[in-house]
Amino acid sequence: MGIPTKKEQQLSVREMIAENQTRQHWPKRMEKLAPKFLFTLAALSVLVTLGILFTLLFETIEFFRRVSIVEFVTSKEWLPWNEEHGSFGVAPLVTGTLLTTGIAMLLAVPVGLASAIYLSEYASERTRRIIKPALEVLAGIPTIVYGFFALTIVTPLLQKVIPDLEIFNALSPGLVMGIMIIPMIASLSEDAMSAVPNSIREGALALGATKLEVALKVVLPAAASGVIASFILGISRAVGETMIVAVAGGSSPEFTFDVTKSIQTLTAYIVQVTTGDAGYGTTIYYSIYAVGMTLFVFTLLMNILAQYISRRFREEY
């Protein structure tokens, strides 16, 4: 091969420059397109949320054109299937929801928090690698399985202790919901406590505090925002639970706080109507949107409260 001429050398340099510009062009184009693509995805999720909200709102308005909002809020009878003396007071569904949620949290909060303290402050790395995945397995079990577990195993066991306990009741699904929520509270609380700097622990120990005192009086207050947020998220999870209460709680909307009686929650009523014979355009059909809006308001308030408490504790600590 001969030595390239000056013209060939210039052509080769131009080709290299053109190739380099082409290579630089694609990253720049991708850099410009990436924000637009990500914005489209974010906007799509917002639009879907707004679509759901407006659908829920418009159908709820249609329900309140047929049923007085005063009756819906103040009446203590929920008898939508009674054609002659029908009543649409949401209080029995709300009390059923609050009853099962309260039972669930009475079990989930102390057990979940105790688990988080142990995993964060006492467990070795090897123990943590075994226990934490085992706890999180509970979160992967389908809720319908929890429902049948409550109905076929937990309720018969409870009936041996409480003879008056009905086959469908509030106690059994409440306890099983608590078992289901334990992994959420334990995992989130443990993450919050593990994020506390070790220097704080070492300082407390250097002052003569015991390990338990460090966990309860130093680490827990420092992680309070994350811990309390996990509690409120657990409440939201319990309020929105469907299959456990639909299977084991019954379908008797009564204004009662007796845990041995059959109850019906907001979500269980929605399941009952959507799987029943309620025709499109009937008052019963539109009632599920009013109940859904009530559920939405509950969940929204819980999320707002969680954000407020997290921000408040973050400012204090």
Protein backbone atom coordinates (compact mmCIF):
# COMPACT_ATOMS: atom_id res chain seq x y z
CA MET A 1 0.00 0.00 0.00
CA GLY A 2 1.21 3.48 -0.91
CA ILE A 3 1.32 6.57 1.22
CA PRO A 4 -2.15 8.34 1.13
CA THR A 5 -2.24 11.63 -0.68
CA LYS A 6 -3.05 14.90 1.03
CA LYS A 7 -6.56 14.86 -0.49
CA GLU A 8 -7.20 11.34 0.83
CA GLN A 9 -5.96 12.38 4.27
CA GLN A 10 -8.37 15.38 4.33
CA LEU A 11 -11.25 13.11 3.24
CA SER A 12 -10.43 10.62 5.98
CA VAL A 13 -10.34 13.38 8.60
CA ARG A 14 -13.71 14.70 7.39
CA GLU A 15 -15.23 11.23 7.64
CA MET A 16 -13.91 10.87 11.19
CA ILE A 17 -15.36 14.26 12.16
CA ALA A 18 -18.72 13.41 10.55
CA GLU A 19 -18.79 10.04 12.32
CA ASN A 20 -17.93 11.68 15.66
CA GLN A 21 -20.68 14.27 15.19
CA THR A 22 -23.17 11.47 14.41
CA ARG A 23 -22.16 9.65 17.59
CA GLN A 24 -22.60 12.80 19.65
CA HIS A 25 -25.92 13.62 17.99
CA TRP A 26 -27.81 10.56 19.30
CA PRO A 27 -26.99 11.09 23.00
CA LYS A 28 -28.04 14.73 22.70
CA ARG A 29 -31.29 13.74 21.01
CA MET A 30 -31.95 11.09 23.64
CA GLU A 31 -31.17 13.65 26.35
CA LYS A 32 -33.84 15.93 24.90
CA LEU A 33 -36.41 13.14 24.42
CA ALA A 34 -35.96 11.53 27.86
CA PRO A 35 -37.61 14.34 29.90
CA LYS A 36 -40.53 14.47 27.45
CA PHE A 37 -41.01 10.70 27.65
CA LEU A 38 -40.85 10.69 31.46
CA PHE A 39 -43.22 13.67 31.64
CA THR A 40 -45.70 11.82 29.41
CA LEU A 41 -45.66 8.81 31.72
CA ALA A 42 -46.10 11.03 34.80
CA ALA A 43 -48.91 12.98 33.14
CA LEU A 44 -50.60 9.73 32.09
CA SER A 45 -50.71 8.47 35.67
CA VAL A 46 -52.15 11.81 36.83
CA LEU A 47 -54.78 11.76 34.06
CA VAL A 48 -55.81 8.20 34.94
CA THR A 49 -56.16 9.22 38.60
CA LEU A 50 -58.24 12.25 37.65
CA GLY A 51 -60.39 10.09 35.37
CA ILE A 52 -61.12 7.69 38.21
CA LEU A 53 -61.85 10.57 40.58
CA PHE A 54 -64.23 12.33 38.18
CA THR A 55 -66.05 9.09 37.38
CA LEU A 56 -66.48 8.43 41.09
CA LEU A 57 -67.60 12.01 41.67
CA PHE A 58 -70.17 12.17 38.85
CA GLU A 59 -71.78 8.84 39.79
CA THR A 60 -71.85 9.87 43.46
CA ILE A 61 -73.65 13.09 42.51
CA GLU A 62 -76.22 11.01 40.63
CA PHE A 63 -76.76 8.91 43.77
CA PHE A 64 -77.36 12.01 45.90
CA ARG A 65 -79.95 13.23 43.42
CA ARG A 66 -81.97 10.20 44.42
CA VAL A 67 -81.04 9.88 48.10
CA SER A 68 -80.72 12.71 50.58
CA ILE A 69 -77.14 13.35 51.67
CA VAL A 70 -78.50 14.02 55.17
CA GLU A 71 -80.00 10.52 55.27
CA PHE A 72 -76.75 9.05 53.95
CA VAL A 73 -74.69 10.70 56.68
CA THR A 74 -77.04 10.57 59.69
CA SER A 75 -79.22 7.47 59.29
CA LYS A 76 -78.16 4.32 61.17
CA GLU A 77 -79.92 1.89 58.84
CA TRP A 78 -78.52 0.48 55.62
CA LEU A 79 -81.31 -1.38 53.82
CA PRO A 80 -80.73 -0.86 50.10
CA TRP A 81 -82.49 -4.08 49.03
CA ASN A 82 -85.78 -3.19 50.72
CA GLU A 83 -87.91 -1.69 47.94
CA GLU A 84 -90.68 -0.37 50.22
CA HIS A 85 -88.68 0.88 53.20
CA GLY A 86 -85.20 1.21 51.80
CA SER A 87 -82.65 3.19 53.78
CA PHE A 88 -79.18 4.37 52.78
CA GLY A 89 -77.52 5.43 56.02
CA VAL A 90 -73.82 4.65 55.64
CA ALA A 91 -73.12 4.56 59.41
CA PRO A 92 -73.42 0.73 59.76
CA LEU A 93 -70.85 0.22 56.98
CA VAL A 94 -68.53 2.80 58.53
CA THR A 95 -68.77 1.23 62.00
CA GLY A 96 -68.09 -2.21 60.53
CA THR A 97 -65.02 -0.85 58.76
CA LEU A 98 -63.74 0.98 61.85
CA LEU A 99 -64.38 -2.05 64.06
CA THR A 100 -62.33 -4.47 61.96
CA THR A 101 -59.65 -1.83 61.40
CA GLY A 102 -59.37 -1.15 65.14
CA ILE A 103 -59.01 -4.86 65.94
CA ALA A 104 -56.38 -5.23 63.22
CA MET A 105 -54.32 -2.31 64.50
CA LEU A 106 -54.53 -3.50 68.12
CA LEU A 107 -52.67 -6.61 66.97
CA ALA A 108 -50.48 -5.21 64.19
CA VAL A 109 -49.04 -2.13 65.96
CA PRO A 110 -47.48 -3.77 69.05
CA VAL A 111 -46.32 -6.91 67.21
CA GLY A 112 -45.03 -5.00 64.21
CA LEU A 113 -43.25 -2.39 66.32
CA ALA A 114 -41.71 -5.03 68.59
CA SER A 115 -40.49 -6.92 65.51
CA ALA A 116 -38.98 -3.72 64.11
CA ILE A 117 -37.17 -2.94 67.39
CA TYR A 118 -35.75 -6.46 67.54
CA LEU A 119 -34.61 -6.47 63.90
CA SER A 120 -33.08 -3.00 64.15
CA GLU A 121 -31.44 -3.10 67.58
CA TYR A 122 -30.95 -6.71 68.69
CA ALA A 123 -30.87 -9.13 65.75
CA SER A 124 -27.58 -10.13 64.18
CA GLU A 125 -27.10 -9.68 60.45
CA ARG A 126 -27.65 -13.40 59.88
CA THR A 127 -30.85 -13.43 61.95
CA ARG A 128 -32.12 -10.33 60.14
CA ARG A 129 -31.55 -11.98 56.76
CA ILE A 130 -33.72 -14.91 57.88
CA ILE A 131 -36.51 -13.19 59.81
CA LYS A 132 -37.17 -10.17 57.59
CA PRO A 133 -37.83 -12.18 54.37
CA ALA A 134 -39.97 -14.58 56.41
CA LEU A 135 -42.06 -11.64 57.64
CA GLU A 136 -42.36 -10.23 54.14
CA VAL A 137 -43.65 -13.57 52.84
CA LEU A 138 -46.87 -12.80 54.74
CA ALA A 139 -47.34 -9.71 52.57
CA GLY A 140 -47.28 -11.86 49.43
CA ILE A 141 -50.10 -14.19 50.47
CA PRO A 142 -53.33 -13.44 48.54
CA THR A 143 -55.98 -11.84 50.75
CA ILE A 144 -58.58 -14.41 49.67
CA VAL A 145 -56.39 -17.04 51.37
CA TYR A 146 -56.37 -14.92 54.52
CA GLY A 147 -60.16 -14.71 54.28
CA PHE A 148 -60.68 -18.47 54.18
CA PHE A 149 -58.05 -18.88 56.91
CA ALA A 150 -60.11 -16.53 59.10
CA LEU A 151 -63.37 -18.31 58.31
CA THR A 152 -62.29 -21.95 58.53
CA ILE A 153 -59.52 -21.90 61.15
CA VAL A 154 -59.51 -18.73 63.26
CA THR A 155 -63.27 -18.50 63.81
CA PRO A 156 -63.67 -22.14 65.03
CA LEU A 157 -60.73 -21.64 67.40
CA LEU A 158 -62.23 -18.43 68.76
CA GLN A 159 -65.63 -20.11 69.20
CA LYS A 160 -64.03 -22.49 71.70
CA VAL A 161 -63.10 -19.46 73.82
CA ILE A 162 -66.13 -17.29 72.98
CA PRO A 163 -69.17 -19.59 72.59
CA ASP A 164 -71.45 -16.73 71.50
CA LEU A 165 -69.22 -15.87 68.56
CA GLU A 166 -71.16 -16.11 65.29
CA ILE A 167 -69.68 -17.89 62.28
CA PHE A 168 -69.46 -14.49 60.56
CA ASN A 169 -68.13 -11.84 62.92
CA ALA A 170 -65.84 -8.82 63.22
CA LEU A 171 -63.24 -10.33 65.54
CA SER A 172 -61.87 -13.06 63.28
CA PRO A 173 -61.29 -10.98 60.11
CA GLY A 174 -59.93 -8.14 62.27
CA LEU A 175 -57.28 -10.38 63.81
CA VAL A 176 -56.31 -11.89 60.47
CA MET A 177 -56.06 -8.42 58.93
CA GLY A 178 -53.72 -7.54 61.79
CA ILE A 179 -51.53 -10.53 60.89
CA MET A 180 -51.52 -9.37 57.27
CA ILE A 181 -50.49 -5.80 58.21
CA ILE A 182 -47.67 -6.82 60.58
CA PRO A 183 -45.05 -7.13 57.78
CA MET A 184 -45.85 -3.62 56.49
CA ILE A 185 -45.45 -1.98 59.90
CA ALA A 186 -42.42 -4.09 60.84
CA SER A 187 -40.60 -3.45 57.55
CA LEU A 188 -41.27 0.29 57.34
CA SER A 189 -40.54 0.88 61.02
CA GLU A 190 -37.34 -1.15 60.86
CA ASP A 191 -36.18 0.85 57.83
CA ALA A 192 -36.87 4.10 59.71
CA MET A 193 -35.01 2.91 62.82
CA SER A 194 -32.06 1.57 60.84
CA ALA A 195 -31.69 5.01 59.23
CA VAL A 196 -30.92 6.57 62.64
CA PRO A 197 -27.14 7.28 62.78
CA ASN A 198 -25.11 4.91 64.93
CA SER A 199 -23.39 7.89 66.56
CA ILE A 200 -26.65 8.63 68.41
CA ARG A 201 -26.78 5.08 69.75
CA GLU A 202 -23.11 5.16 70.75
CA GLY A 203 -23.55 8.49 72.52
CA ALA A 204 -26.49 7.17 74.56
CA LEU A 205 -24.59 3.99 75.47
CA ALA A 206 -21.57 6.06 76.49
CA LEU A 207 -23.80 7.97 78.92
CA GLY A 208 -24.73 4.70 80.62
CA ALA A 209 -28.05 3.89 78.95
CA THR A 210 -28.99 0.26 78.48
CA LYS A 211 -29.70 -1.16 75.04
CA LEU A 212 -33.44 -1.20 75.74
CA GLU A 213 -33.34 2.43 76.88
CA VAL A 214 -31.46 3.37 73.72
CA ALA A 215 -34.04 1.61 71.58
CA LEU A 216 -37.11 3.06 73.32
CA LYS A 217 -35.92 6.52 74.40
CA VAL A 218 -33.40 7.44 71.69
CA VAL A 219 -33.83 5.48 68.45
CA LEU A 220 -37.62 5.24 68.49
CA PRO A 221 -38.22 9.01 68.98
CA ALA A 222 -35.61 9.78 66.32
CA ALA A 223 -37.43 7.48 63.87
CA ALA A 224 -40.90 8.57 65.00
CA SER A 225 -41.90 10.12 61.67
CA GLY A 226 -41.31 6.88 59.75
CA VAL A 227 -42.82 4.71 62.49
CA ILE A 228 -46.03 6.73 62.77
CA ALA A 229 -46.30 6.89 58.98
CA SER A 230 -46.16 3.08 58.93
CA PHE A 231 -49.02 2.96 61.45
CA ILE A 232 -51.19 5.25 59.34
CA LEU A 233 -50.39 3.34 56.16
CA GLY A 234 -51.40 0.19 58.03
CA ILE A 235 -54.73 1.83 58.94
CA SER A 236 -55.27 2.78 55.29
CA ARG A 237 -54.49 -0.80 54.28
CA ALA A 238 -57.01 -2.15 56.79
CA VAL A 239 -59.72 0.31 55.77
CA GLY A 240 -59.36 -0.67 52.12
CA GLU A 241 -59.15 -4.43 52.68
CA THR A 242 -61.81 -6.31 50.75
CA MET A 243 -61.61 -10.09 50.56
CA ILE A 244 -60.90 -10.94 54.21
CA VAL A 245 -63.94 -9.04 55.49
CA ALA A 246 -66.10 -10.14 52.55
CA VAL A 247 -65.38 -13.82 53.26
CA ALA A 248 -65.24 -13.89 57.08
CA GLY A 249 -67.08 -10.74 58.21
CA GLY A 250 -70.50 -11.45 56.77
CA SER A 251 -72.98 -9.19 55.01
CA SER A 252 -75.11 -7.82 57.84
CA PRO A 253 -74.83 -4.03 57.95
CA GLU A 254 -75.71 -3.28 61.55
CA PHE A 255 -74.78 -0.26 63.62
CA THR A 256 -72.96 -2.17 66.35
CA PHE A 257 -69.59 -2.37 68.07
CA ASP A 258 -70.11 -5.96 69.17
CA VAL A 259 -67.17 -7.93 67.76
CA THR A 260 -69.04 -11.23 68.02
CA LYS A 261 -71.76 -10.16 65.56
CA SER A 262 -71.83 -10.31 61.78
CA ILE A 263 -70.95 -6.98 60.19
CA GLN A 264 -70.42 -5.51 56.75
CA THR A 265 -67.70 -3.08 55.74
CA LEU A 266 -67.60 -0.48 52.98
CA THR A 267 -65.54 -2.71 50.71
CA ALA A 268 -67.61 -5.82 51.44
CA TYR A 269 -70.77 -4.00 50.35
CA ILE A 270 -69.16 -3.00 47.06
CA VAL A 271 -68.24 -6.65 46.47
CA GLN A 272 -71.78 -7.77 47.30
CA VAL A 273 -73.38 -5.35 44.83
CA THR A 274 -70.92 -5.86 41.99
CA THR A 275 -71.33 -9.64 42.18
CA GLY A 276 -75.12 -9.49 42.69
CA ASP A 277 -78.16 -8.67 40.58
CA ALA A 278 -78.20 -4.88 40.88
CA GLY A 279 -79.14 -3.45 37.49
CA TYR A 280 -77.29 -0.62 35.81
CA GLY A 281 -78.81 2.77 36.58
CA THR A 282 -80.61 1.68 39.74
CA THR A 283 -80.18 3.43 43.07
CA ILE A 284 -78.38 0.38 44.45
CA TYR A 285 -75.97 0.54 41.53
CA TYR A 286 -75.16 4.19 42.19
CA SER A 287 -74.84 3.51 45.92
CA ILE A 288 -71.55 1.67 45.38
CA TYR A 289 -70.07 4.92 44.06
CA ALA A 290 -71.23 6.82 47.14
CA VAL A 291 -69.70 4.12 49.33
CA GLY A 292 -66.56 4.21 47.20
CA MET A 293 -66.35 7.98 47.63
CA THR A 294 -66.65 7.53 51.40
CA LEU A 295 -63.81 5.03 51.27
CA PHE A 296 -61.77 7.41 49.10
CA VAL A 297 -62.25 10.23 51.62
CA PHE A 298 -61.12 7.96 54.48
CA THR A 299 -57.98 6.93 52.63
CA LEU A 300 -57.22 10.47 51.51
CA LEU A 301 -57.50 11.77 55.07
CA MET A 302 -55.19 9.00 56.29
CA ASN A 303 -52.56 9.87 53.69
CA ILE A 304 -52.76 13.59 54.48
CA LEU A 305 -52.45 12.81 58.18
CA ALA A 306 -49.43 10.58 57.53
CA GLN A 307 -47.67 13.34 55.58
CA TYR A 308 -48.49 15.94 58.24
CA ILE A 309 -47.24 13.77 61.12
CA SER A 310 -44.08 12.78 59.24
CA ARG A 311 -43.30 16.42 58.47
CA ARG A 312 -44.08 17.52 62.05
CA PHE A 313 -41.85 14.92 63.69
CA ARG A 314 -39.10 15.54 61.15
CA GLU A 315 -39.09 19.19 62.17
CA GLU A 316 -39.00 18.35 65.89
CA TYR A 317 -36.24 15.76 65.69
